[in-house]
Amino acid sequence: MVQSFADAAARAVKAGFDVIEIHAAHGYLLHQFYSPLVNDRTDEYGGSFENRIRFLLEVVRAVRKVIPEGTPLFVRISSSDWADGGWNLIDSVELAKELKALGVDLIDASSGGAIHNAKIDVKPGFQVPFATALRTETGILTAAVGLITEPEQADHIVVTGEADAIFLGRAMLRNPRWALYAAEKLGVTIKWPPNLDRARTLKK
């Protein structure tokens, strides 16, 4: 299984991707291993914190080994399970230290997904504090995610040092030209894609 992750990373590099991100959040396999709410194994991959993060660390080592030196490696984690007895921010800080030592360049700080009935206080920027804490406590670069929809909001998070980057998902699905929209709102001039450049003359 570890080799499958490494093989996928190698294929991504061959296909021309400049960055590799390991998805270890939202109830997917790697998250299932480190979350105490899901992992009930009794072997070397279950029980203690060190055992539960073992699989993820093995995957990170394997991926880092097969991608070219200098290729940025990101890991998306669920910073909290939002449930009693679950994975929490303290655990995430310790995990981030381990990931940084293995050559991970950035933590994509998301949350949730281990259980369906977690009580999550969903609101704009609700996960930003996770990115801030991981950045502050470990010195690793972090990306903030989750209900970051407006350019001014995203800009404020980065400018104030709450995170090093903003990763957008649904905002880009709703508006594939969000980057152009953000540049206009923030008064920044950016180069338009060649196939859209003529549309600039239609601006009011």
N, C-alpha and C. Protein backbone atom coordinates (compact mmCIF):
# COMPACT_ATOMS: atom_id res chain seq x y z
N MET A 1 0.82 -1.20 0.00
CA MET A 1 0.00 0.00 0.00
C MET A 1 0.87 1.27 0.00
N VAL A 2 1.92 1.27 0.81
CA VAL A 2 2.83 2.42 0.83
C VAL A 2 3.40 2.66 -0.56
N GLN A 3 3.79 1.58 -1.23
CA GLN A 3 4.37 1.71 -2.56
C GLN A 3 3.36 2.26 -3.56
N SER A 4 2.08 1.99 -3.34
CA SER A 4 1.05 2.52 -4.24
C SER A 4 1.02 4.04 -4.19
N PHE A 5 1.17 4.61 -3.00
CA PHE A 5 1.24 6.07 -2.88
C PHE A 5 2.47 6.61 -3.61
N ALA A 6 3.60 5.94 -3.42
CA ALA A 6 4.83 6.37 -4.09
C ALA A 6 4.70 6.28 -5.60
N ASP A 7 4.09 5.20 -6.08
CA ASP A 7 3.90 5.04 -7.52
C ASP A 7 3.01 6.14 -8.08
N ALA A 8 1.96 6.48 -7.35
CA ALA A 8 1.05 7.55 -7.79
C ALA A 8 1.78 8.88 -7.87
N ALA A 9 2.62 9.16 -6.88
CA ALA A 9 3.39 10.40 -6.88
C ALA A 9 4.34 10.45 -8.07
N ALA A 10 4.98 9.33 -8.36
CA ALA A 10 5.89 9.27 -9.51
C ALA A 10 5.14 9.51 -10.81
N ARG A 11 3.93 8.96 -10.92
CA ARG A 11 3.13 9.19 -12.13
C ARG A 11 2.74 10.66 -12.25
N ALA A 12 2.42 11.29 -11.13
CA ALA A 12 2.06 12.70 -11.16
C ALA A 12 3.22 13.56 -11.64
N VAL A 13 4.41 13.25 -11.16
CA VAL A 13 5.60 14.00 -11.61
C VAL A 13 5.81 13.79 -13.10
N LYS A 14 5.69 12.55 -13.55
CA LYS A 14 5.87 12.24 -14.97
C LYS A 14 4.85 12.97 -15.83
N ALA A 15 3.64 13.16 -15.28
CA ALA A 15 2.57 13.84 -16.02
C ALA A 15 2.76 15.35 -16.06
N GLY A 16 3.73 15.86 -15.29
CA GLY A 16 4.04 17.28 -15.36
C GLY A 16 3.60 18.12 -14.19
N PHE A 17 3.10 17.50 -13.13
CA PHE A 17 2.69 18.27 -11.96
C PHE A 17 3.91 18.80 -11.22
N ASP A 18 3.82 20.04 -10.76
CA ASP A 18 4.95 20.70 -10.11
C ASP A 18 4.97 20.51 -8.60
N VAL A 19 3.83 20.14 -8.02
CA VAL A 19 3.70 19.98 -6.57
C VAL A 19 3.00 18.65 -6.31
N ILE A 20 3.40 17.96 -5.26
CA ILE A 20 2.74 16.73 -4.83
C ILE A 20 2.09 16.98 -3.48
N GLU A 21 0.81 16.63 -3.37
CA GLU A 21 0.12 16.72 -2.08
C GLU A 21 -0.45 15.36 -1.71
N ILE A 22 -0.13 14.93 -0.50
CA ILE A 22 -0.67 13.69 0.05
C ILE A 22 -1.93 14.03 0.83
N HIS A 23 -3.05 13.41 0.44
CA HIS A 23 -4.33 13.69 1.10
C HIS A 23 -4.48 12.75 2.30
N ALA A 24 -4.29 13.31 3.49
CA ALA A 24 -4.38 12.51 4.72
C ALA A 24 -5.46 13.09 5.64
N ALA A 25 -6.57 13.52 5.04
CA ALA A 25 -7.64 14.16 5.82
C ALA A 25 -8.99 13.55 5.45
N HIS A 26 -10.03 14.08 6.11
CA HIS A 26 -11.44 13.89 5.72
C HIS A 26 -11.91 12.44 5.70
N GLY A 27 -11.34 11.62 6.58
CA GLY A 27 -11.80 10.25 6.70
C GLY A 27 -11.25 9.30 5.67
N TYR A 28 -10.37 9.78 4.80
CA TYR A 28 -9.72 8.87 3.85
C TYR A 28 -8.71 7.99 4.59
N LEU A 29 -8.10 7.06 3.87
CA LEU A 29 -7.33 5.99 4.49
C LEU A 29 -6.29 6.47 5.50
N LEU A 30 -5.46 7.43 5.12
CA LEU A 30 -4.40 7.86 6.03
C LEU A 30 -4.97 8.49 7.30
N HIS A 31 -6.06 9.23 7.16
CA HIS A 31 -6.72 9.80 8.34
C HIS A 31 -7.29 8.69 9.21
N GLN A 32 -7.83 7.67 8.60
CA GLN A 32 -8.39 6.56 9.37
C GLN A 32 -7.34 5.90 10.26
N PHE A 33 -6.11 5.90 9.81
CA PHE A 33 -5.04 5.31 10.62
C PHE A 33 -4.71 6.18 11.82
N TYR A 34 -4.60 7.52 11.64
CA TYR A 34 -4.15 8.31 12.78
C TYR A 34 -5.27 8.75 13.72
N SER A 35 -6.53 8.65 13.29
CA SER A 35 -7.62 9.04 14.18
C SER A 35 -7.95 7.93 15.17
N PRO A 36 -7.91 8.22 16.47
CA PRO A 36 -8.24 7.19 17.45
C PRO A 36 -9.71 6.79 17.43
N LEU A 37 -10.55 7.60 16.78
CA LEU A 37 -11.97 7.26 16.69
C LEU A 37 -12.22 6.16 15.67
N VAL A 38 -11.29 5.96 14.77
CA VAL A 38 -11.47 4.99 13.69
C VAL A 38 -10.52 3.81 13.82
N ASN A 39 -9.29 4.08 14.19
CA ASN A 39 -8.25 3.05 14.23
C ASN A 39 -8.38 2.21 15.51
N ASP A 40 -8.81 0.97 15.34
CA ASP A 40 -8.90 0.06 16.50
C ASP A 40 -7.94 -1.12 16.35
N ARG A 41 -6.88 -0.91 15.57
CA ARG A 41 -5.89 -1.96 15.38
C ARG A 41 -5.13 -2.22 16.67
N THR A 42 -4.61 -3.44 16.79
CA THR A 42 -3.84 -3.82 17.98
C THR A 42 -2.39 -4.17 17.63
N ASP A 43 -2.00 -3.89 16.38
CA ASP A 43 -0.63 -4.18 15.97
C ASP A 43 0.20 -2.90 16.03
N GLU A 44 1.31 -2.87 15.30
CA GLU A 44 2.21 -1.71 15.36
C GLU A 44 1.64 -0.48 14.67
N TYR A 45 0.45 -0.60 14.07
CA TYR A 45 -0.19 0.55 13.42
C TYR A 45 -1.40 1.06 14.20
N GLY A 46 -1.57 0.60 15.43
CA GLY A 46 -2.70 1.03 16.23
C GLY A 46 -2.32 1.27 17.68
N GLY A 47 -3.23 1.91 18.40
CA GLY A 47 -3.00 2.15 19.82
C GLY A 47 -2.38 3.49 20.11
N SER A 48 -1.08 3.54 20.27
CA SER A 48 -0.39 4.77 20.66
C SER A 48 -0.36 5.78 19.52
N PHE A 49 -0.08 7.02 19.87
CA PHE A 49 0.07 8.09 18.87
C PHE A 49 1.13 7.70 17.85
N GLU A 50 2.27 7.23 18.34
CA GLU A 50 3.37 6.87 17.45
C GLU A 50 2.97 5.77 16.47
N ASN A 51 2.20 4.82 16.94
CA ASN A 51 1.76 3.73 16.07
C ASN A 51 0.74 4.21 15.04
N ARG A 52 -0.16 5.07 15.46
CA ARG A 52 -1.23 5.52 14.56
C ARG A 52 -0.72 6.42 13.44
N ILE A 53 0.37 7.15 13.69
CA ILE A 53 0.90 8.01 12.62
C ILE A 53 1.93 7.27 11.76
N ARG A 54 2.25 6.04 12.13
CA ARG A 54 3.31 5.29 11.45
C ARG A 54 3.05 5.16 9.95
N PHE A 55 1.83 4.79 9.58
CA PHE A 55 1.53 4.57 8.16
C PHE A 55 1.72 5.85 7.36
N LEU A 56 1.22 6.97 7.87
CA LEU A 56 1.38 8.24 7.17
C LEU A 56 2.86 8.59 7.00
N LEU A 57 3.65 8.40 8.04
CA LEU A 57 5.08 8.72 7.94
C LEU A 57 5.77 7.81 6.93
N GLU A 58 5.37 6.54 6.87
CA GLU A 58 5.94 5.64 5.88
C GLU A 58 5.60 6.10 4.46
N VAL A 59 4.38 6.56 4.27
CA VAL A 59 3.96 7.06 2.96
C VAL A 59 4.76 8.30 2.59
N VAL A 60 4.92 9.21 3.54
CA VAL A 60 5.68 10.44 3.27
C VAL A 60 7.11 10.11 2.87
N ARG A 61 7.75 9.21 3.62
CA ARG A 61 9.13 8.83 3.29
C ARG A 61 9.21 8.25 1.87
N ALA A 62 8.26 7.39 1.54
CA ALA A 62 8.28 6.73 0.24
C ALA A 62 8.05 7.73 -0.89
N VAL A 63 7.14 8.66 -0.68
CA VAL A 63 6.85 9.66 -1.71
C VAL A 63 8.03 10.60 -1.89
N ARG A 64 8.57 11.07 -0.78
CA ARG A 64 9.72 11.99 -0.87
C ARG A 64 10.89 11.33 -1.60
N LYS A 65 11.02 10.03 -1.45
CA LYS A 65 12.14 9.31 -2.07
C LYS A 65 12.02 9.26 -3.59
N VAL A 66 10.79 9.23 -4.12
CA VAL A 66 10.63 9.03 -5.56
C VAL A 66 10.42 10.33 -6.34
N ILE A 67 10.13 11.43 -5.66
CA ILE A 67 9.93 12.68 -6.39
C ILE A 67 11.26 13.43 -6.47
N PRO A 68 11.46 14.24 -7.51
CA PRO A 68 12.73 14.94 -7.68
C PRO A 68 13.04 15.87 -6.51
N GLU A 69 14.31 16.00 -6.21
CA GLU A 69 14.73 16.93 -5.17
C GLU A 69 14.27 18.34 -5.54
N GLY A 70 13.70 19.03 -4.58
CA GLY A 70 13.20 20.37 -4.84
C GLY A 70 11.72 20.42 -5.17
N THR A 71 11.11 19.27 -5.44
CA THR A 71 9.67 19.24 -5.69
C THR A 71 8.93 19.47 -4.38
N PRO A 72 8.09 20.50 -4.29
CA PRO A 72 7.36 20.75 -3.04
C PRO A 72 6.45 19.58 -2.69
N LEU A 73 6.47 19.20 -1.42
CA LEU A 73 5.61 18.12 -0.93
C LEU A 73 4.70 18.68 0.15
N PHE A 74 3.40 18.62 -0.10
CA PHE A 74 2.40 19.09 0.84
C PHE A 74 1.67 17.88 1.44
N VAL A 75 1.15 18.05 2.64
CA VAL A 75 0.29 17.03 3.25
C VAL A 75 -0.96 17.71 3.78
N ARG A 76 -2.11 17.24 3.35
CA ARG A 76 -3.38 17.74 3.88
C ARG A 76 -3.78 16.86 5.05
N ILE A 77 -4.04 17.47 6.19
CA ILE A 77 -4.44 16.72 7.38
C ILE A 77 -5.76 17.26 7.91
N SER A 78 -6.44 16.43 8.67
CA SER A 78 -7.56 16.89 9.48
C SER A 78 -7.00 17.28 10.83
N SER A 79 -6.95 18.57 11.09
CA SER A 79 -6.32 19.07 12.31
C SER A 79 -7.10 18.72 13.56
N SER A 80 -8.38 18.40 13.41
CA SER A 80 -9.21 18.00 14.53
C SER A 80 -10.33 17.11 14.02
N ASP A 81 -10.72 16.14 14.85
CA ASP A 81 -11.89 15.32 14.54
C ASP A 81 -13.17 15.97 15.04
N TRP A 82 -13.04 17.06 15.78
CA TRP A 82 -14.20 17.78 16.34
C TRP A 82 -15.06 16.84 17.19
N ALA A 83 -14.44 15.99 17.98
CA ALA A 83 -15.20 15.06 18.81
C ALA A 83 -14.35 14.64 20.00
N ASP A 84 -15.03 14.41 21.12
CA ASP A 84 -14.34 13.95 22.33
C ASP A 84 -13.61 12.64 22.05
N GLY A 85 -12.37 12.58 22.51
CA GLY A 85 -11.59 11.36 22.33
C GLY A 85 -10.99 11.21 20.96
N GLY A 86 -11.20 12.21 20.11
CA GLY A 86 -10.69 12.13 18.75
C GLY A 86 -9.35 12.84 18.59
N TRP A 87 -8.88 12.83 17.37
CA TRP A 87 -7.66 13.55 17.01
C TRP A 87 -7.89 15.03 17.25
N ASN A 88 -6.86 15.73 17.77
CA ASN A 88 -7.05 17.14 18.09
C ASN A 88 -5.84 17.96 17.66
N LEU A 89 -5.91 19.26 17.93
CA LEU A 89 -4.86 20.17 17.47
C LEU A 89 -3.51 19.85 18.12
N ILE A 90 -3.51 19.43 19.37
CA ILE A 90 -2.25 19.06 20.03
C ILE A 90 -1.59 17.91 19.28
N ASP A 91 -2.40 16.92 18.90
CA ASP A 91 -1.87 15.81 18.09
C ASP A 91 -1.32 16.32 16.77
N SER A 92 -2.04 17.26 16.16
CA SER A 92 -1.63 17.78 14.85
C SER A 92 -0.30 18.51 14.92
N VAL A 93 -0.08 19.23 16.00
CA VAL A 93 1.20 19.93 16.17
C VAL A 93 2.34 18.92 16.22
N GLU A 94 2.15 17.85 16.98
CA GLU A 94 3.19 16.82 17.08
C GLU A 94 3.41 16.13 15.74
N LEU A 95 2.32 15.87 15.02
CA LEU A 95 2.44 15.27 13.70
C LEU A 95 3.18 16.20 12.75
N ALA A 96 2.85 17.48 12.80
CA ALA A 96 3.50 18.46 11.92
C ALA A 96 5.01 18.49 12.14
N LYS A 97 5.44 18.34 13.39
CA LYS A 97 6.88 18.30 13.68
C LYS A 97 7.53 17.11 12.98
N GLU A 98 6.85 15.97 13.03
CA GLU A 98 7.38 14.76 12.38
C GLU A 98 7.42 14.95 10.87
N LEU A 99 6.36 15.52 10.32
CA LEU A 99 6.30 15.71 8.87
C LEU A 99 7.36 16.69 8.39
N LYS A 100 7.56 17.74 9.16
CA LYS A 100 8.60 18.71 8.80
C LYS A 100 9.98 18.05 8.78
N ALA A 101 10.23 17.19 9.76
CA ALA A 101 11.53 16.51 9.83
C ALA A 101 11.75 15.58 8.65
N LEU A 102 10.67 15.11 8.04
CA LEU A 102 10.77 14.20 6.89
C LEU A 102 10.83 14.95 5.56
N GLY A 103 10.81 16.27 5.62
CA GLY A 103 10.92 17.04 4.39
C GLY A 103 9.63 17.52 3.79
N VAL A 104 8.54 17.45 4.55
CA VAL A 104 7.28 18.04 4.07
C VAL A 104 7.42 19.55 4.10
N ASP A 105 6.97 20.20 3.03
CA ASP A 105 7.16 21.64 2.89
C ASP A 105 5.99 22.46 3.42
N LEU A 106 4.78 21.89 3.40
CA LEU A 106 3.61 22.66 3.80
C LEU A 106 2.53 21.74 4.30
N ILE A 107 1.82 22.19 5.34
CA ILE A 107 0.65 21.49 5.86
C ILE A 107 -0.60 22.21 5.39
N ASP A 108 -1.46 21.49 4.73
CA ASP A 108 -2.78 21.97 4.30
C ASP A 108 -3.74 21.63 5.43
N ALA A 109 -4.09 22.65 6.23
CA ALA A 109 -4.74 22.41 7.52
C ALA A 109 -6.26 22.43 7.41
N SER A 110 -6.83 21.26 7.17
CA SER A 110 -8.28 21.11 7.14
C SER A 110 -8.72 20.45 8.43
N SER A 111 -9.93 19.88 8.45
CA SER A 111 -10.40 19.21 9.66
C SER A 111 -11.61 18.34 9.34
N GLY A 112 -11.95 17.48 10.32
CA GLY A 112 -13.16 16.67 10.23
C GLY A 112 -13.08 15.51 9.27
N GLY A 113 -14.20 14.77 9.22
CA GLY A 113 -14.34 13.68 8.26
C GLY A 113 -14.22 12.29 8.83
N ALA A 114 -13.75 12.17 10.07
CA ALA A 114 -13.57 10.83 10.64
C ALA A 114 -14.90 10.19 11.00
N ILE A 115 -15.82 11.01 11.50
CA ILE A 115 -17.14 10.52 11.90
C ILE A 115 -18.20 11.43 11.30
N HIS A 116 -19.40 10.89 11.10
CA HIS A 116 -20.44 11.65 10.40
C HIS A 116 -21.18 12.62 11.31
N ASN A 117 -21.11 12.43 12.63
CA ASN A 117 -21.90 13.27 13.54
C ASN A 117 -21.05 14.24 14.35
N ALA A 118 -19.90 14.61 13.82
CA ALA A 118 -19.04 15.59 14.52
C ALA A 118 -19.76 16.93 14.60
N LYS A 119 -19.56 17.62 15.72
CA LYS A 119 -20.18 18.93 15.91
C LYS A 119 -19.17 20.00 15.51
N ILE A 120 -19.33 20.51 14.29
CA ILE A 120 -18.39 21.47 13.73
C ILE A 120 -19.05 22.84 13.63
N ASP A 121 -18.39 23.83 14.19
CA ASP A 121 -18.90 25.21 14.14
C ASP A 121 -18.49 25.84 12.80
N VAL A 122 -19.23 25.51 11.77
CA VAL A 122 -18.88 25.95 10.42
C VAL A 122 -19.25 27.41 10.22
N LYS A 123 -18.27 28.20 9.84
CA LYS A 123 -18.46 29.62 9.56
C LYS A 123 -17.26 30.09 8.74
N PRO A 124 -17.34 31.28 8.15
CA PRO A 124 -16.21 31.75 7.33
C PRO A 124 -14.89 31.72 8.10
N GLY A 125 -13.90 31.07 7.50
CA GLY A 125 -12.57 31.01 8.10
C GLY A 125 -12.46 30.15 9.33
N PHE A 126 -13.41 29.22 9.54
CA PHE A 126 -13.44 28.48 10.80
C PHE A 126 -12.21 27.59 11.02
N GLN A 127 -11.49 27.25 9.96
CA GLN A 127 -10.31 26.40 10.12
C GLN A 127 -8.99 27.16 10.14
N VAL A 128 -9.05 28.47 9.95
CA VAL A 128 -7.82 29.27 9.91
C VAL A 128 -6.99 29.11 11.19
N PRO A 129 -7.61 29.07 12.38
CA PRO A 129 -6.80 28.92 13.60
C PRO A 129 -5.92 27.67 13.61
N PHE A 130 -6.34 26.62 12.92
CA PHE A 130 -5.50 25.43 12.84
C PHE A 130 -4.21 25.74 12.09
N ALA A 131 -4.35 26.40 10.95
CA ALA A 131 -3.16 26.77 10.17
C ALA A 131 -2.23 27.67 10.97
N THR A 132 -2.83 28.61 11.70
CA THR A 132 -2.04 29.54 12.50
C THR A 132 -1.27 28.82 13.59
N ALA A 133 -1.94 27.92 14.30
CA ALA A 133 -1.30 27.20 15.40
C ALA A 133 -0.17 26.31 14.90
N LEU A 134 -0.40 25.60 13.82
CA LEU A 134 0.64 24.71 13.28
C LEU A 134 1.85 25.51 12.83
N ARG A 135 1.60 26.64 12.20
CA ARG A 135 2.68 27.52 11.73
C ARG A 135 3.48 28.07 12.91
N THR A 136 2.76 28.51 13.94
CA THR A 136 3.41 29.13 15.10
C THR A 136 4.20 28.11 15.91
N GLU A 137 3.63 26.94 16.12
CA GLU A 137 4.23 25.95 17.01
C GLU A 137 5.37 25.16 16.37
N THR A 138 5.37 25.05 15.04
CA THR A 138 6.36 24.18 14.40
C THR A 138 7.25 24.91 13.39
N GLY A 139 6.83 26.07 12.93
CA GLY A 139 7.61 26.78 11.93
C GLY A 139 7.42 26.28 10.52
N ILE A 140 6.54 25.30 10.33
CA ILE A 140 6.28 24.79 8.98
C ILE A 140 5.33 25.73 8.26
N LEU A 141 5.43 25.79 6.95
CA LEU A 141 4.49 26.58 6.16
C LEU A 141 3.12 25.92 6.23
N THR A 142 2.07 26.76 6.26
CA THR A 142 0.71 26.22 6.30
C THR A 142 -0.18 26.92 5.29
N ALA A 143 -1.22 26.20 4.88
CA ALA A 143 -2.26 26.77 4.04
C ALA A 143 -3.57 26.72 4.80
N ALA A 144 -4.32 27.82 4.74
CA ALA A 144 -5.64 27.89 5.36
C ALA A 144 -6.70 27.53 4.32
N VAL A 145 -7.71 26.80 4.77
CA VAL A 145 -8.77 26.35 3.87
C VAL A 145 -10.12 26.42 4.58
N GLY A 146 -11.20 26.38 3.80
CA GLY A 146 -12.52 26.26 4.37
C GLY A 146 -13.28 27.56 4.50
N LEU A 147 -14.28 27.76 3.63
CA LEU A 147 -15.13 28.95 3.63
C LEU A 147 -14.31 30.24 3.60
N ILE A 148 -13.27 30.22 2.80
CA ILE A 148 -12.53 31.44 2.48
C ILE A 148 -12.96 31.79 1.06
N THR A 149 -13.85 32.76 0.94
CA THR A 149 -14.52 32.99 -0.34
C THR A 149 -14.28 34.36 -0.94
N GLU A 150 -13.88 35.32 -0.12
CA GLU A 150 -13.72 36.69 -0.61
C GLU A 150 -12.24 37.09 -0.65
N PRO A 151 -11.84 37.85 -1.67
CA PRO A 151 -10.44 38.25 -1.80
C PRO A 151 -9.90 38.98 -0.58
N GLU A 152 -10.69 39.89 -0.03
CA GLU A 152 -10.22 40.65 1.13
C GLU A 152 -9.97 39.74 2.32
N GLN A 153 -10.83 38.75 2.49
CA GLN A 153 -10.67 37.77 3.57
C GLN A 153 -9.39 36.97 3.38
N ALA A 154 -9.16 36.48 2.18
CA ALA A 154 -7.96 35.70 1.90
C ALA A 154 -6.70 36.53 2.08
N ASP A 155 -6.73 37.75 1.58
CA ASP A 155 -5.58 38.64 1.68
C ASP A 155 -5.23 38.93 3.13
N HIS A 156 -6.25 39.16 3.95
CA HIS A 156 -6.03 39.48 5.37
C HIS A 156 -5.35 38.32 6.08
N ILE A 157 -5.76 37.10 5.79
CA ILE A 157 -5.18 35.93 6.45
C ILE A 157 -3.69 35.82 6.18
N VAL A 158 -3.29 36.07 4.94
CA VAL A 158 -1.88 35.96 4.58
C VAL A 158 -1.09 37.16 5.10
N VAL A 159 -1.63 38.36 4.92
CA VAL A 159 -0.91 39.58 5.31
C VAL A 159 -0.66 39.61 6.81
N THR A 160 -1.60 39.12 7.60
CA THR A 160 -1.45 39.14 9.05
C THR A 160 -0.67 37.94 9.59
N GLY A 161 -0.23 37.06 8.71
CA GLY A 161 0.59 35.93 9.14
C GLY A 161 -0.17 34.78 9.76
N GLU A 162 -1.47 34.71 9.52
CA GLU A 162 -2.24 33.60 10.06
C GLU A 162 -1.97 32.31 9.29
N ALA A 163 -1.58 32.44 8.04
CA ALA A 163 -1.20 31.30 7.21
C ALA A 163 -0.29 31.82 6.10
N ASP A 164 0.40 30.90 5.46
CA ASP A 164 1.31 31.29 4.38
C ASP A 164 0.65 31.27 3.02
N ALA A 165 -0.46 30.55 2.91
CA ALA A 165 -1.15 30.44 1.62
C ALA A 165 -2.62 30.17 1.87
N ILE A 166 -3.42 30.42 0.85
CA ILE A 166 -4.84 30.12 0.88
C ILE A 166 -5.11 29.11 -0.23
N PHE A 167 -5.77 28.01 0.13
CA PHE A 167 -6.17 27.03 -0.88
C PHE A 167 -7.69 27.13 -1.07
N LEU A 168 -8.10 27.30 -2.30
CA LEU A 168 -9.52 27.46 -2.62
C LEU A 168 -10.05 26.21 -3.31
N GLY A 169 -11.28 25.86 -3.02
CA GLY A 169 -11.94 24.75 -3.69
C GLY A 169 -13.26 25.18 -4.26
N ARG A 170 -14.28 25.24 -3.41
CA ARG A 170 -15.62 25.55 -3.88
C ARG A 170 -15.74 26.95 -4.47
N ALA A 171 -14.96 27.89 -3.94
CA ALA A 171 -15.00 29.24 -4.51
C ALA A 171 -14.58 29.24 -5.97
N MET A 172 -13.61 28.38 -6.31
CA MET A 172 -13.15 28.29 -7.70
C MET A 172 -14.14 27.50 -8.56
N LEU A 173 -14.86 26.58 -7.95
CA LEU A 173 -15.90 25.87 -8.70
C LEU A 173 -17.04 26.81 -9.06
N ARG A 174 -17.40 27.68 -8.12
CA ARG A 174 -18.46 28.64 -8.38
C ARG A 174 -18.03 29.70 -9.39
N ASN A 175 -16.76 30.08 -9.33
CA ASN A 175 -16.25 31.12 -10.23
C ASN A 175 -14.85 30.72 -10.68
N PRO A 176 -14.75 30.04 -11.82
CA PRO A 176 -13.43 29.60 -12.31
C PRO A 176 -12.46 30.75 -12.55
N ARG A 177 -12.98 31.98 -12.64
CA ARG A 177 -12.12 33.15 -12.85
C ARG A 177 -11.90 33.91 -11.53
N TRP A 178 -11.95 33.18 -10.43
CA TRP A 178 -11.84 33.82 -9.12
C TRP A 178 -10.54 34.62 -8.99
N ALA A 179 -9.45 34.14 -9.55
CA ALA A 179 -8.17 34.85 -9.45
C ALA A 179 -8.25 36.22 -10.11
N LEU A 180 -8.93 36.30 -11.25
CA LEU A 180 -9.10 37.59 -11.92
C LEU A 180 -10.01 38.50 -11.10
N TYR A 181 -11.06 37.92 -10.54
CA TYR A 181 -11.97 38.66 -9.68
C TYR A 181 -11.23 39.21 -8.46
N ALA A 182 -10.38 38.38 -7.85
CA ALA A 182 -9.64 38.80 -6.67
C ALA A 182 -8.66 39.92 -7.00
N ALA A 183 -7.99 39.79 -8.13
CA ALA A 183 -7.04 40.83 -8.53
C ALA A 183 -7.73 42.17 -8.70
N GLU A 184 -8.91 42.14 -9.32
CA GLU A 184 -9.66 43.39 -9.52
C GLU A 184 -10.10 43.99 -8.18
N LYS A 185 -10.60 43.13 -7.29
CA LYS A 185 -11.07 43.61 -5.98
C LYS A 185 -9.94 44.19 -5.15
N LEU A 186 -8.73 43.62 -5.28
CA LEU A 186 -7.59 44.06 -4.48
C LEU A 186 -6.73 45.09 -5.18
N GLY A 187 -7.13 45.48 -6.39
CA GLY A 187 -6.39 46.51 -7.12
C GLY A 187 -5.04 46.06 -7.61
N VAL A 188 -4.95 44.78 -7.98
CA VAL A 188 -3.68 44.21 -8.45
C VAL A 188 -3.80 43.90 -9.94
N THR A 189 -2.77 44.21 -10.69
CA THR A 189 -2.74 43.88 -12.11
C THR A 189 -2.04 42.55 -12.32
N ILE A 190 -2.72 41.62 -12.94
CA ILE A 190 -2.12 40.32 -13.24
C ILE A 190 -2.32 40.02 -14.72
N LYS A 191 -1.51 39.11 -15.22
CA LYS A 191 -1.61 38.72 -16.62
C LYS A 191 -2.80 37.79 -16.82
N TRP A 192 -3.63 38.11 -17.77
CA TRP A 192 -4.79 37.27 -18.08
C TRP A 192 -4.36 36.09 -18.95
N PRO A 193 -5.06 34.96 -18.85
CA PRO A 193 -4.81 33.86 -19.78
C PRO A 193 -5.04 34.33 -21.21
N PRO A 194 -4.22 33.90 -22.16
CA PRO A 194 -4.34 34.38 -23.54
C PRO A 194 -5.74 34.24 -24.12
N ASN A 195 -6.43 33.14 -23.79
CA ASN A 195 -7.75 32.92 -24.37
C ASN A 195 -8.82 33.82 -23.76
N LEU A 196 -8.50 34.51 -22.67
CA LEU A 196 -9.46 35.42 -22.04
C LEU A 196 -9.05 36.88 -22.17
N ASP A 197 -7.88 37.13 -22.70
CA ASP A 197 -7.32 38.48 -22.67
C ASP A 197 -8.20 39.50 -23.37
N ARG A 198 -8.83 39.12 -24.47
CA ARG A 198 -9.67 40.07 -25.20
C ARG A 198 -10.87 40.51 -24.38
N ALA A 199 -11.27 39.70 -23.40
CA ALA A 199 -12.43 40.05 -22.58
C ALA A 199 -12.18 41.26 -21.70
N ARG A 200 -10.91 41.61 -21.50
CA ARG A 200 -10.61 42.78 -20.67
C ARG A 200 -11.22 44.04 -21.26
N THR A 201 -11.37 44.10 -22.58
CA THR A 201 -11.92 45.30 -23.23
C THR A 201 -13.41 45.46 -22.97
N LEU A 202 -14.03 44.41 -22.43
CA LEU A 202 -15.46 44.46 -22.16
C LEU A 202 -15.76 44.94 -20.75
N LYS A 203 -14.73 45.16 -19.95
CA LYS A 203 -14.94 45.63 -18.57
C LYS A 203 -15.60 46.99 -18.58
N LYS A 204 -16.52 47.20 -17.65
CA LYS A 204 -17.19 48.49 -17.52
C LYS A 204 -16.42 49.38 -16.55
